N, C-alpha and C. Protein backbone atom coordinates (compact mmCIF):
# COMPACT_ATOMS: atom_id res chain seq x y z
N MET A 1 27.20 -1.45 22.72
CA MET A 1 26.74 -0.51 23.74
C MET A 1 25.32 -0.85 24.15
N LYS A 2 25.00 -0.64 25.43
CA LYS A 2 23.66 -0.86 25.92
C LYS A 2 22.67 0.10 25.25
N ASP A 3 21.46 -0.37 25.02
CA ASP A 3 20.42 0.53 24.56
C ASP A 3 20.01 1.44 25.72
N PHE A 4 19.37 2.54 25.38
CA PHE A 4 19.01 3.52 26.40
C PHE A 4 17.91 4.41 25.86
N THR A 5 17.32 5.20 26.72
CA THR A 5 16.37 6.21 26.30
C THR A 5 16.95 7.58 26.64
N ILE A 6 16.38 8.62 26.06
CA ILE A 6 16.86 9.96 26.39
C ILE A 6 16.54 10.30 27.84
N ASP A 7 15.54 9.64 28.41
CA ASP A 7 15.25 9.85 29.84
C ASP A 7 16.39 9.34 30.70
N THR A 8 17.05 8.28 30.26
CA THR A 8 18.24 7.80 30.97
C THR A 8 19.29 8.89 31.03
N ILE A 9 19.49 9.56 29.90
CA ILE A 9 20.50 10.62 29.82
C ILE A 9 20.09 11.82 30.67
N LYS A 10 18.83 12.19 30.63
CA LYS A 10 18.34 13.30 31.46
C LYS A 10 18.60 13.01 32.94
N SER A 11 18.32 11.78 33.35
CA SER A 11 18.50 11.40 34.75
C SER A 11 19.97 11.51 35.17
N ILE A 12 20.87 11.09 34.29
CA ILE A 12 22.31 11.18 34.58
C ILE A 12 22.71 12.65 34.73
N CYS A 13 22.24 13.49 33.82
CA CYS A 13 22.57 14.92 33.88
C CYS A 13 22.08 15.55 35.17
N THR A 14 20.85 15.24 35.55
CA THR A 14 20.27 15.81 36.77
C THR A 14 21.03 15.35 38.01
N LYS A 15 21.36 14.08 38.05
CA LYS A 15 22.03 13.51 39.22
C LYS A 15 23.40 14.13 39.46
N HIS A 16 24.10 14.50 38.38
CA HIS A 16 25.49 14.93 38.51
C HIS A 16 25.68 16.43 38.34
N THR A 17 24.60 17.18 38.38
CA THR A 17 24.71 18.63 38.26
C THR A 17 25.04 19.26 39.61
N VAL A 18 26.07 20.10 39.61
CA VAL A 18 26.41 20.89 40.79
C VAL A 18 26.07 22.34 40.49
N HIS A 19 25.23 22.94 41.32
CA HIS A 19 24.82 24.32 41.12
C HIS A 19 25.75 25.26 41.89
N GLY A 20 25.70 26.54 41.55
CA GLY A 20 26.56 27.51 42.20
C GLY A 20 26.42 27.49 43.71
N GLY A 21 27.54 27.48 44.39
CA GLY A 21 27.53 27.46 45.84
C GLY A 21 27.57 26.08 46.46
N GLU A 22 27.21 25.05 45.67
CA GLU A 22 27.29 23.69 46.18
C GLU A 22 28.73 23.20 46.11
N PRO A 23 29.12 22.31 47.02
CA PRO A 23 30.48 21.76 46.94
C PRO A 23 30.64 20.89 45.71
N LYS A 24 31.82 20.91 45.13
CA LYS A 24 32.06 20.09 43.95
C LYS A 24 32.06 18.62 44.33
N LEU A 25 31.73 17.78 43.37
CA LEU A 25 31.68 16.34 43.60
C LEU A 25 33.03 15.72 43.26
N PRO A 26 33.67 15.06 44.21
CA PRO A 26 34.94 14.40 43.88
C PRO A 26 34.70 13.14 43.06
N PHE A 27 35.62 12.83 42.18
CA PHE A 27 35.56 11.58 41.43
C PHE A 27 36.05 10.40 42.28
N GLY A 28 36.98 10.70 43.19
CA GLY A 28 37.65 9.62 43.89
C GLY A 28 38.73 8.98 43.05
N ILE A 29 39.10 9.67 41.96
CA ILE A 29 40.16 9.22 41.05
C ILE A 29 41.21 10.33 41.03
N PRO A 30 42.40 10.10 41.53
CA PRO A 30 43.38 11.19 41.68
C PRO A 30 43.61 12.00 40.41
N PHE A 31 43.78 11.36 39.28
CA PHE A 31 44.05 12.09 38.04
C PHE A 31 42.93 13.08 37.74
N LEU A 32 41.68 12.63 37.81
CA LEU A 32 40.54 13.49 37.49
C LEU A 32 40.30 14.54 38.57
N ASP A 33 40.50 14.18 39.83
CA ASP A 33 40.28 15.15 40.89
C ASP A 33 41.31 16.29 40.84
N ILE A 34 42.54 15.98 40.45
CA ILE A 34 43.54 17.04 40.27
C ILE A 34 43.12 17.97 39.15
N ARG A 35 42.63 17.40 38.05
CA ARG A 35 42.16 18.24 36.94
C ARG A 35 41.00 19.13 37.39
N MET A 36 40.08 18.59 38.15
CA MET A 36 38.93 19.38 38.60
C MET A 36 39.36 20.49 39.55
N ASP A 37 40.31 20.20 40.40
CA ASP A 37 40.82 21.24 41.31
C ASP A 37 41.46 22.37 40.51
N GLU A 38 42.18 22.03 39.45
CA GLU A 38 42.82 23.04 38.61
C GLU A 38 41.77 23.90 37.92
N TYR A 39 40.72 23.27 37.40
CA TYR A 39 39.68 24.02 36.72
C TYR A 39 38.90 24.90 37.70
N GLN A 40 38.69 24.37 38.90
CA GLN A 40 38.00 25.15 39.93
C GLN A 40 38.77 26.42 40.24
N ALA A 41 40.09 26.31 40.34
CA ALA A 41 40.94 27.46 40.66
C ALA A 41 41.00 28.44 39.49
N LYS A 42 41.03 27.91 38.26
CA LYS A 42 41.19 28.77 37.09
C LYS A 42 39.92 29.53 36.76
N TRP A 43 38.77 28.87 36.85
CA TRP A 43 37.51 29.50 36.42
C TRP A 43 36.56 29.78 37.58
N ASN A 44 36.98 29.47 38.79
CA ASN A 44 36.14 29.71 39.95
C ASN A 44 34.76 29.08 39.78
N GLY A 45 34.76 27.88 39.26
CA GLY A 45 33.50 27.19 39.05
C GLY A 45 33.74 25.71 38.81
N HIS A 46 32.65 24.97 38.77
CA HIS A 46 32.72 23.52 38.63
C HIS A 46 32.05 23.12 37.33
N HIS A 47 32.68 22.22 36.61
CA HIS A 47 32.11 21.75 35.34
C HIS A 47 31.44 20.40 35.56
N SER A 48 30.14 20.38 35.76
CA SER A 48 29.43 19.13 36.04
C SER A 48 29.49 18.17 34.86
N TYR A 49 29.66 18.68 33.65
CA TYR A 49 29.56 17.79 32.50
C TYR A 49 30.68 16.75 32.49
N TYR A 50 31.79 17.01 33.16
CA TYR A 50 32.83 15.97 33.24
C TYR A 50 32.31 14.75 33.99
N HIS A 51 31.58 14.98 35.08
CA HIS A 51 30.97 13.86 35.81
C HIS A 51 29.91 13.17 34.95
N VAL A 52 29.19 13.96 34.18
CA VAL A 52 28.15 13.39 33.31
C VAL A 52 28.77 12.48 32.26
N LEU A 53 29.87 12.91 31.65
CA LEU A 53 30.52 12.08 30.62
C LEU A 53 30.98 10.75 31.21
N LYS A 54 31.58 10.80 32.39
CA LYS A 54 32.02 9.56 33.03
C LYS A 54 30.82 8.67 33.34
N ALA A 55 29.75 9.26 33.87
CA ALA A 55 28.57 8.49 34.24
C ALA A 55 27.88 7.89 33.02
N ILE A 56 27.87 8.61 31.91
CA ILE A 56 27.29 8.07 30.67
C ILE A 56 28.08 6.85 30.21
N ALA A 57 29.40 6.95 30.27
CA ALA A 57 30.24 5.80 29.88
C ALA A 57 30.01 4.61 30.81
N GLU A 58 29.84 4.89 32.10
CA GLU A 58 29.57 3.82 33.06
C GLU A 58 28.25 3.13 32.76
N GLU A 59 27.24 3.93 32.43
CA GLU A 59 25.89 3.39 32.22
C GLU A 59 25.74 2.69 30.87
N LEU A 60 26.24 3.30 29.81
CA LEU A 60 25.99 2.78 28.46
C LEU A 60 27.02 1.78 27.99
N LYS A 61 28.20 1.77 28.59
CA LYS A 61 29.28 0.85 28.21
C LYS A 61 29.60 0.93 26.71
N PRO A 62 29.93 2.13 26.20
CA PRO A 62 30.28 2.23 24.77
C PRO A 62 31.60 1.52 24.48
N SER A 63 31.71 1.02 23.26
CA SER A 63 32.98 0.43 22.81
C SER A 63 33.86 1.47 22.15
N ILE A 64 33.23 2.40 21.41
CA ILE A 64 33.97 3.44 20.70
C ILE A 64 33.35 4.80 20.99
N VAL A 65 34.17 5.73 21.49
CA VAL A 65 33.78 7.13 21.62
C VAL A 65 34.68 7.94 20.70
N LEU A 66 34.10 8.85 19.93
CA LEU A 66 34.89 9.77 19.11
C LEU A 66 34.65 11.19 19.60
N GLU A 67 35.73 11.85 19.97
CA GLU A 67 35.66 13.22 20.47
C GLU A 67 36.32 14.16 19.48
N VAL A 68 35.58 15.15 19.01
CA VAL A 68 36.14 16.20 18.16
C VAL A 68 36.41 17.41 19.04
N GLY A 69 37.69 17.76 19.19
CA GLY A 69 38.08 18.86 20.07
C GLY A 69 38.63 18.32 21.37
N THR A 70 39.88 17.87 21.35
CA THR A 70 40.47 17.17 22.49
C THR A 70 40.86 18.10 23.61
N TRP A 71 41.44 19.25 23.25
CA TRP A 71 41.97 20.24 24.20
C TRP A 71 43.00 19.58 25.11
N THR A 72 42.71 19.42 26.41
CA THR A 72 43.70 18.85 27.34
C THR A 72 43.47 17.36 27.61
N GLY A 73 42.45 16.79 27.00
CA GLY A 73 42.20 15.37 27.17
C GLY A 73 41.38 15.00 28.40
N THR A 74 40.85 15.98 29.12
CA THR A 74 40.10 15.66 30.33
C THR A 74 38.78 14.96 30.04
N SER A 75 38.07 15.42 29.02
CA SER A 75 36.82 14.75 28.65
C SER A 75 37.09 13.31 28.23
N ALA A 76 38.14 13.12 27.42
CA ALA A 76 38.51 11.77 26.99
C ALA A 76 38.82 10.89 28.20
N ALA A 77 39.51 11.46 29.18
CA ALA A 77 39.84 10.71 30.39
C ALA A 77 38.59 10.32 31.16
N CYS A 78 37.58 11.18 31.16
CA CYS A 78 36.33 10.87 31.85
C CYS A 78 35.61 9.70 31.19
N PHE A 79 35.57 9.70 29.86
CA PHE A 79 34.98 8.56 29.15
C PHE A 79 35.75 7.28 29.46
N ALA A 80 37.09 7.38 29.40
CA ALA A 80 37.93 6.21 29.63
C ALA A 80 37.81 5.69 31.05
N ALA A 81 37.68 6.60 32.02
CA ALA A 81 37.51 6.18 33.41
C ALA A 81 36.15 5.53 33.63
N GLY A 82 35.15 6.00 32.90
CA GLY A 82 33.81 5.45 33.05
C GLY A 82 33.68 4.05 32.50
N ASN A 83 34.44 3.75 31.44
CA ASN A 83 34.42 2.40 30.87
C ASN A 83 35.82 2.05 30.39
N PRO A 84 36.63 1.43 31.24
CA PRO A 84 38.02 1.16 30.91
C PRO A 84 38.22 0.31 29.64
N SER A 85 37.20 -0.44 29.23
CA SER A 85 37.33 -1.26 28.02
C SER A 85 37.01 -0.47 26.75
N CYS A 86 36.60 0.79 26.91
CA CYS A 86 36.24 1.63 25.76
C CYS A 86 37.49 2.19 25.09
N GLU A 87 37.44 2.32 23.76
CA GLU A 87 38.47 3.05 23.03
C GLU A 87 37.94 4.46 22.77
N VAL A 88 38.69 5.45 23.21
CA VAL A 88 38.29 6.85 23.08
C VAL A 88 39.19 7.51 22.04
N LEU A 89 38.61 7.82 20.89
CA LEU A 89 39.36 8.44 19.80
C LEU A 89 39.19 9.95 19.89
N THR A 90 40.27 10.68 19.91
CA THR A 90 40.19 12.13 20.05
C THR A 90 40.90 12.81 18.90
N ILE A 91 40.33 13.93 18.46
CA ILE A 91 40.87 14.68 17.32
C ILE A 91 41.11 16.13 17.72
N ASP A 92 42.32 16.62 17.48
CA ASP A 92 42.63 18.04 17.68
C ASP A 92 43.92 18.34 16.93
N HIS A 93 43.98 19.52 16.29
CA HIS A 93 45.21 19.86 15.55
C HIS A 93 46.26 20.50 16.44
N HIS A 94 45.85 21.07 17.60
CA HIS A 94 46.79 21.72 18.52
C HIS A 94 47.83 22.56 17.78
N SER A 95 47.57 23.84 17.69
CA SER A 95 48.48 24.75 16.98
C SER A 95 49.83 24.81 17.66
N ASP A 96 50.78 25.52 17.05
CA ASP A 96 52.15 25.58 17.56
C ASP A 96 52.35 26.69 18.60
N GLY A 97 51.29 27.40 18.96
CA GLY A 97 51.43 28.45 19.97
C GLY A 97 51.71 27.85 21.34
N PRO A 98 52.31 28.63 22.25
CA PRO A 98 52.69 28.12 23.58
C PRO A 98 51.52 27.53 24.35
N ALA A 99 50.36 28.18 24.31
CA ALA A 99 49.21 27.69 25.07
C ALA A 99 48.76 26.33 24.57
N ASP A 100 48.69 26.18 23.24
CA ASP A 100 48.21 24.91 22.68
C ASP A 100 49.25 23.81 22.85
N LEU A 101 50.52 24.16 22.84
CA LEU A 101 51.55 23.15 23.10
C LEU A 101 51.42 22.61 24.52
N GLU A 102 51.07 23.50 25.45
CA GLU A 102 50.83 23.05 26.83
C GLU A 102 49.61 22.14 26.88
N ASN A 103 48.55 22.51 26.13
CA ASN A 103 47.36 21.66 26.07
C ASN A 103 47.69 20.27 25.54
N ARG A 104 48.56 20.22 24.52
CA ARG A 104 48.96 18.93 23.95
C ARG A 104 49.70 18.09 24.98
N GLU A 105 50.57 18.72 25.74
CA GLU A 105 51.31 17.98 26.76
C GLU A 105 50.36 17.42 27.82
N ARG A 106 49.34 18.19 28.15
CA ARG A 106 48.36 17.71 29.13
C ARG A 106 47.54 16.56 28.55
N LEU A 107 47.28 16.62 27.25
CA LEU A 107 46.64 15.48 26.59
C LEU A 107 47.50 14.23 26.72
N TYR A 108 48.81 14.39 26.49
CA TYR A 108 49.71 13.24 26.59
C TYR A 108 49.71 12.65 27.99
N GLU A 109 49.52 13.50 29.00
CA GLU A 109 49.39 13.00 30.37
C GLU A 109 48.16 12.09 30.49
N ALA A 110 47.06 12.52 29.86
CA ALA A 110 45.83 11.74 29.90
C ALA A 110 46.01 10.41 29.17
N VAL A 111 46.70 10.44 28.03
CA VAL A 111 46.94 9.22 27.26
C VAL A 111 47.79 8.24 28.07
N LYS A 112 48.78 8.76 28.78
CA LYS A 112 49.62 7.91 29.62
C LYS A 112 48.81 7.29 30.75
N GLU A 113 47.89 8.07 31.31
CA GLU A 113 47.06 7.57 32.41
C GLU A 113 46.02 6.56 31.92
N TYR A 114 45.50 6.80 30.70
CA TYR A 114 44.44 5.94 30.14
C TYR A 114 44.86 5.48 28.74
N PRO A 115 45.49 4.32 28.63
CA PRO A 115 45.98 3.84 27.33
C PRO A 115 44.88 3.65 26.29
N GLY A 116 43.61 3.59 26.72
CA GLY A 116 42.51 3.44 25.77
C GLY A 116 42.24 4.68 24.94
N ILE A 117 42.87 5.81 25.29
CA ILE A 117 42.71 7.04 24.52
C ILE A 117 43.65 6.99 23.32
N LYS A 118 43.11 7.20 22.14
CA LYS A 118 43.88 7.24 20.90
C LYS A 118 43.74 8.63 20.29
N ASN A 119 44.84 9.36 20.22
CA ASN A 119 44.82 10.73 19.71
C ASN A 119 45.17 10.78 18.23
N PHE A 120 44.33 11.49 17.47
CA PHE A 120 44.60 11.75 16.06
C PHE A 120 44.95 13.23 15.93
N GLN A 121 46.21 13.49 15.64
CA GLN A 121 46.72 14.86 15.58
C GLN A 121 46.43 15.45 14.21
N GLY A 122 45.46 16.35 14.14
CA GLY A 122 45.09 16.96 12.88
C GLY A 122 43.70 17.55 12.96
N CYS A 123 43.10 17.84 11.83
CA CYS A 123 41.77 18.45 11.76
C CYS A 123 40.71 17.40 11.53
N SER A 124 39.53 17.64 12.07
CA SER A 124 38.46 16.66 12.00
C SER A 124 37.87 16.52 10.61
N THR A 125 37.84 17.60 9.84
CA THR A 125 37.24 17.58 8.50
C THR A 125 38.09 18.40 7.54
N GLU A 126 37.85 18.21 6.26
CA GLU A 126 38.53 19.01 5.24
C GLU A 126 38.13 20.48 5.37
N ARG A 127 36.89 20.73 5.81
CA ARG A 127 36.42 22.10 5.97
C ARG A 127 37.25 22.84 7.00
N VAL A 128 37.56 22.18 8.10
CA VAL A 128 38.38 22.79 9.14
C VAL A 128 39.82 22.93 8.66
N ALA A 129 40.34 21.92 7.97
CA ALA A 129 41.73 21.94 7.52
C ALA A 129 42.01 23.10 6.57
N LYS A 130 41.00 23.51 5.81
CA LYS A 130 41.17 24.64 4.89
C LYS A 130 41.47 25.93 5.63
N GLU A 131 41.01 26.02 6.86
CA GLU A 131 41.21 27.23 7.66
C GLU A 131 42.50 27.17 8.48
N LYS A 132 43.19 26.04 8.46
CA LYS A 132 44.39 25.85 9.28
C LYS A 132 45.56 25.43 8.38
N PRO A 133 46.28 26.38 7.79
CA PRO A 133 47.40 26.05 6.91
C PRO A 133 48.42 25.16 7.61
N GLY A 134 48.89 24.17 6.89
CA GLY A 134 49.90 23.28 7.43
C GLY A 134 49.34 22.09 8.19
N THR A 135 48.00 21.99 8.28
CA THR A 135 47.39 20.86 8.96
C THR A 135 46.82 19.89 7.94
N ARG A 136 46.32 18.77 8.41
CA ARG A 136 45.70 17.78 7.55
C ARG A 136 44.46 17.22 8.21
N CYS A 137 43.53 16.77 7.38
CA CYS A 137 42.32 16.12 7.88
C CYS A 137 42.65 14.66 8.23
N VAL A 138 42.19 14.20 9.39
CA VAL A 138 42.51 12.85 9.85
C VAL A 138 41.36 11.87 9.65
N PHE A 139 40.35 12.26 8.89
CA PHE A 139 39.18 11.39 8.71
C PHE A 139 39.58 10.01 8.20
N ASP A 140 40.43 9.95 7.19
CA ASP A 140 40.84 8.65 6.64
C ASP A 140 41.57 7.81 7.68
N ASP A 141 42.33 8.47 8.54
CA ASP A 141 43.03 7.75 9.60
C ASP A 141 42.03 7.13 10.59
N VAL A 142 40.99 7.89 10.89
CA VAL A 142 39.96 7.40 11.81
C VAL A 142 39.24 6.20 11.20
N VAL A 143 38.86 6.31 9.93
CA VAL A 143 38.16 5.21 9.25
C VAL A 143 39.04 3.96 9.23
N LYS A 144 40.31 4.14 8.95
CA LYS A 144 41.23 3.00 8.93
C LYS A 144 41.33 2.36 10.30
N PHE A 145 41.41 3.18 11.33
CA PHE A 145 41.51 2.64 12.69
C PHE A 145 40.24 1.89 13.08
N LEU A 146 39.08 2.43 12.72
CA LEU A 146 37.82 1.77 13.05
C LEU A 146 37.69 0.41 12.37
N ASP A 147 38.16 0.33 11.13
CA ASP A 147 38.16 -0.95 10.40
C ASP A 147 36.79 -1.60 10.39
N GLY A 148 35.79 -0.78 10.08
CA GLY A 148 34.42 -1.29 9.99
C GLY A 148 33.61 -1.18 11.26
N ARG A 149 34.25 -0.91 12.39
CA ARG A 149 33.51 -0.72 13.63
C ARG A 149 32.78 0.63 13.62
N LYS A 150 31.79 0.77 14.47
CA LYS A 150 30.97 1.98 14.49
C LYS A 150 31.18 2.77 15.78
N ILE A 151 30.88 4.05 15.70
CA ILE A 151 31.02 4.97 16.84
C ILE A 151 29.75 4.90 17.70
N ASP A 152 29.92 4.65 18.98
CA ASP A 152 28.78 4.59 19.90
C ASP A 152 28.41 5.97 20.45
N ILE A 153 29.41 6.79 20.74
CA ILE A 153 29.17 8.15 21.23
C ILE A 153 30.02 9.11 20.42
N LEU A 154 29.38 10.11 19.84
CA LEU A 154 30.08 11.18 19.11
C LEU A 154 29.95 12.46 19.92
N TRP A 155 31.10 13.03 20.31
CA TRP A 155 31.15 14.22 21.17
C TRP A 155 31.74 15.35 20.33
N ILE A 156 30.89 16.29 19.90
CA ILE A 156 31.32 17.40 19.05
C ILE A 156 31.60 18.61 19.94
N ASP A 157 32.89 18.95 20.04
CA ASP A 157 33.31 20.03 20.94
C ASP A 157 34.56 20.71 20.34
N GLY A 158 34.52 20.91 19.02
CA GLY A 158 35.67 21.48 18.33
C GLY A 158 35.51 22.97 18.09
N TRP A 159 35.54 23.36 16.83
CA TRP A 159 35.40 24.75 16.44
C TRP A 159 33.93 25.12 16.53
N HIS A 160 33.58 26.05 17.43
CA HIS A 160 32.19 26.30 17.78
C HIS A 160 31.54 27.35 16.88
N LEU A 161 31.67 27.15 15.60
CA LEU A 161 30.92 27.90 14.60
C LEU A 161 30.03 26.90 13.88
N ALA A 162 28.80 27.32 13.57
CA ALA A 162 27.82 26.38 13.03
C ALA A 162 28.33 25.64 11.81
N VAL A 163 29.00 26.33 10.91
CA VAL A 163 29.46 25.67 9.69
C VAL A 163 30.48 24.59 9.99
N MET A 164 31.32 24.80 11.00
CA MET A 164 32.33 23.81 11.37
C MET A 164 31.70 22.64 12.12
N ALA A 165 30.80 22.94 13.05
CA ALA A 165 30.12 21.88 13.78
C ALA A 165 29.29 21.03 12.83
N GLN A 166 28.65 21.67 11.85
CA GLN A 166 27.86 20.92 10.86
C GLN A 166 28.76 20.01 10.04
N ALA A 167 29.93 20.50 9.67
CA ALA A 167 30.88 19.67 8.92
C ALA A 167 31.30 18.46 9.74
N ASP A 168 31.53 18.67 11.05
CA ASP A 168 31.87 17.54 11.91
C ASP A 168 30.74 16.51 11.94
N PHE A 169 29.52 17.00 12.11
CA PHE A 169 28.38 16.08 12.16
C PHE A 169 28.22 15.34 10.84
N ASP A 170 28.23 16.07 9.74
CA ASP A 170 28.02 15.44 8.44
C ASP A 170 29.09 14.39 8.13
N THR A 171 30.31 14.64 8.59
CA THR A 171 31.42 13.75 8.30
C THR A 171 31.34 12.46 9.12
N TYR A 172 30.99 12.56 10.40
CA TYR A 172 31.08 11.39 11.28
C TYR A 172 29.75 10.71 11.59
N PHE A 173 28.64 11.39 11.30
CA PHE A 173 27.33 10.77 11.55
C PHE A 173 27.17 9.44 10.80
N PRO A 174 27.61 9.32 9.55
CA PRO A 174 27.46 8.03 8.86
C PRO A 174 28.23 6.89 9.52
N LEU A 175 29.17 7.21 10.39
CA LEU A 175 29.96 6.17 11.06
C LEU A 175 29.38 5.78 12.42
N MET A 176 28.24 6.37 12.79
CA MET A 176 27.68 6.11 14.12
C MET A 176 26.87 4.82 14.15
N ASN A 177 26.92 4.14 15.28
CA ASN A 177 26.21 2.89 15.53
C ASN A 177 24.73 3.17 15.76
N ARG A 178 23.96 2.13 15.90
CA ARG A 178 22.57 2.22 16.34
C ARG A 178 22.33 1.17 17.41
N PRO A 179 22.01 1.52 18.65
CA PRO A 179 21.80 2.90 19.10
C PRO A 179 23.12 3.63 19.28
N SER A 180 23.04 4.94 19.30
CA SER A 180 24.22 5.77 19.54
C SER A 180 23.78 7.08 20.17
N LEU A 181 24.78 7.80 20.68
CA LEU A 181 24.49 9.07 21.36
C LEU A 181 25.36 10.16 20.78
N LEU A 182 24.72 11.26 20.39
CA LEU A 182 25.43 12.46 19.95
C LEU A 182 25.39 13.47 21.09
N ILE A 183 26.57 14.05 21.40
CA ILE A 183 26.66 15.11 22.41
C ILE A 183 27.32 16.32 21.77
N CYS A 184 26.71 17.49 21.90
CA CYS A 184 27.25 18.73 21.32
C CYS A 184 27.37 19.77 22.43
N ASP A 185 28.56 20.35 22.56
CA ASP A 185 28.79 21.34 23.61
C ASP A 185 28.69 22.75 23.04
N ASP A 186 28.53 23.72 23.94
CA ASP A 186 28.59 25.16 23.61
C ASP A 186 27.52 25.59 22.61
N LEU A 187 26.29 25.18 22.86
CA LEU A 187 25.18 25.54 21.98
C LEU A 187 24.61 26.89 22.40
N CYS A 188 25.46 27.91 22.27
CA CYS A 188 25.11 29.25 22.72
C CYS A 188 24.41 30.04 21.63
N GLY A 189 23.66 31.05 22.07
CA GLY A 189 23.07 31.99 21.12
C GLY A 189 24.06 33.07 20.75
N GLY A 190 23.67 33.92 19.84
CA GLY A 190 24.53 35.04 19.45
C GLY A 190 25.68 34.59 18.58
N SER A 191 26.61 35.52 18.37
CA SER A 191 27.74 35.24 17.50
C SER A 191 28.95 36.01 17.98
N SER A 192 30.11 35.34 17.97
CA SER A 192 31.36 35.98 18.32
C SER A 192 32.45 35.37 17.47
N ALA A 193 33.69 35.74 17.74
CA ALA A 193 34.80 35.21 16.95
C ALA A 193 34.99 33.72 17.17
N THR A 194 34.57 33.21 18.33
CA THR A 194 34.82 31.81 18.66
C THR A 194 33.57 30.95 18.74
N ILE A 195 32.40 31.55 18.95
CA ILE A 195 31.15 30.79 19.02
C ILE A 195 30.09 31.53 18.22
N GLY A 196 29.47 30.83 17.27
CA GLY A 196 28.44 31.49 16.48
C GLY A 196 27.53 30.51 15.78
N GLY A 197 26.24 30.75 15.83
CA GLY A 197 25.26 29.95 15.11
C GLY A 197 25.02 28.56 15.69
N MET A 198 25.48 28.32 16.90
CA MET A 198 25.40 26.98 17.43
C MET A 198 23.97 26.54 17.77
N GLN A 199 23.11 27.49 18.16
CA GLN A 199 21.72 27.11 18.40
C GLN A 199 21.03 26.70 17.11
N ASP A 200 21.34 27.42 16.02
CA ASP A 200 20.77 27.04 14.73
C ASP A 200 21.27 25.66 14.29
N PHE A 201 22.54 25.40 14.55
CA PHE A 201 23.09 24.07 14.25
C PHE A 201 22.32 23.00 15.01
N TRP A 202 22.10 23.22 16.30
CA TRP A 202 21.38 22.26 17.12
C TRP A 202 19.95 22.04 16.61
N LYS A 203 19.27 23.13 16.31
CA LYS A 203 17.88 23.01 15.86
C LYS A 203 17.76 22.27 14.53
N GLY A 204 18.82 22.31 13.73
CA GLY A 204 18.78 21.66 12.42
C GLY A 204 19.21 20.20 12.42
N LEU A 205 19.65 19.68 13.57
CA LEU A 205 20.11 18.30 13.61
C LEU A 205 18.94 17.33 13.45
N PRO A 206 19.15 16.24 12.73
CA PRO A 206 18.07 15.27 12.55
C PRO A 206 17.81 14.50 13.83
N GLY A 207 16.63 13.89 13.88
CA GLY A 207 16.26 13.09 15.04
C GLY A 207 14.88 13.46 15.53
N ARG A 208 14.22 12.53 16.19
CA ARG A 208 12.90 12.78 16.75
C ARG A 208 13.02 13.72 17.94
N GLU A 209 12.09 14.62 18.07
CA GLU A 209 12.14 15.59 19.16
C GLU A 209 12.14 14.89 20.53
N GLU A 210 11.44 13.76 20.62
CA GLU A 210 11.39 13.04 21.89
C GLU A 210 12.72 12.34 22.22
N ASP A 211 13.65 12.33 21.27
CA ASP A 211 14.97 11.74 21.50
C ASP A 211 16.05 12.81 21.69
N LYS A 212 15.64 14.07 21.83
CA LYS A 212 16.59 15.17 21.99
C LYS A 212 16.46 15.78 23.39
N TYR A 213 17.59 16.20 23.92
CA TYR A 213 17.60 16.84 25.24
C TYR A 213 18.65 17.95 25.24
N LEU A 214 18.22 19.17 25.57
CA LEU A 214 19.12 20.31 25.68
C LEU A 214 19.25 20.66 27.15
N ASP A 215 20.47 20.54 27.68
CA ASP A 215 20.72 20.76 29.09
C ASP A 215 21.46 22.08 29.30
N GLY A 216 20.94 22.92 30.19
CA GLY A 216 21.57 24.21 30.43
C GLY A 216 22.31 24.30 31.75
N ALA A 217 22.43 23.16 32.47
CA ALA A 217 23.00 23.21 33.82
C ALA A 217 24.37 22.53 33.94
N ILE A 218 24.61 21.46 33.18
CA ILE A 218 25.85 20.71 33.40
C ILE A 218 27.09 21.49 32.95
N HIS A 219 26.91 22.46 32.04
CA HIS A 219 27.99 23.36 31.63
C HIS A 219 27.40 24.76 31.63
N SER A 220 27.27 25.32 32.81
CA SER A 220 26.52 26.55 33.02
C SER A 220 26.93 27.65 32.05
N GLY A 221 25.93 28.20 31.34
CA GLY A 221 26.17 29.25 30.37
C GLY A 221 26.50 28.76 28.98
N TYR A 222 26.75 27.46 28.85
CA TYR A 222 27.13 26.86 27.56
C TYR A 222 26.32 25.57 27.38
N PRO A 223 25.07 25.68 26.90
CA PRO A 223 24.19 24.52 26.85
C PRO A 223 24.80 23.34 26.09
N VAL A 224 24.46 22.15 26.57
CA VAL A 224 24.91 20.89 25.98
C VAL A 224 23.70 20.16 25.43
N GLY A 225 23.78 19.73 24.18
CA GLY A 225 22.70 18.99 23.56
C GLY A 225 23.04 17.52 23.41
N LEU A 226 22.05 16.66 23.65
CA LEU A 226 22.25 15.22 23.56
C LEU A 226 21.11 14.62 22.76
N ILE A 227 21.43 13.72 21.83
CA ILE A 227 20.43 13.08 20.96
C ILE A 227 20.69 11.58 20.90
N ARG A 228 19.65 10.81 21.11
CA ARG A 228 19.71 9.36 20.91
C ARG A 228 19.33 9.05 19.47
N TYR A 229 20.18 8.28 18.80
CA TYR A 229 19.88 7.76 17.46
C TYR A 229 19.73 6.25 17.58
N GLY A 230 18.55 5.76 17.15
CA GLY A 230 18.28 4.34 17.31
C GLY A 230 17.82 3.64 16.05
N GLY A 231 17.88 4.32 14.92
CA GLY A 231 17.50 3.69 13.67
C GLY A 231 16.03 3.78 13.36
N GLU A 232 15.28 4.63 14.09
CA GLU A 232 13.85 4.74 13.82
C GLU A 232 13.61 5.35 12.45
């Protein structure tokens, strides 16, 4: 992966941010534009961070991206579209409920569109697996697949409770390359059943302050944190 500074990342975020009332930015890629139209209709808003993820992949040319929290595979597709030679590893257990089964099918659509996406069906860590009876941790599968290669971009977007996000970081940080980029979504304040302690998680992450960037615009209402790790 190309070396970069956190200013590079800030510039990408600023360039691709769409504010309320502005027209959404088309990708010019039918698969992604259909997904964006669907999200626009469902949430009456635009998610700029999808454009940011694609632009980061275009700029940095990562070889390996690991995403914790696959959902429908749209983020993975953005990374894959940004750098077609990249392998995008995604982790999600996708429960057996109707909604999550639909999410899994949409992920399979993304995998069909972008063969570089590799899905690991299961939980990202043993800590998460303990809370999900009948699931398994896929960490060993990921390590086997990597076969000594390192992760260039780690995208933590799974269970948005501090203890779970910390477990994801602690588990996969040792596998990250140098330089590498950590991206964490939903760094909200307060606490609820689905999001809690995420700002404390962010504040506790290692790294030089000058290599950290917290963006509040690319995913409006759900801050995204980005950190460059370069071996300093």
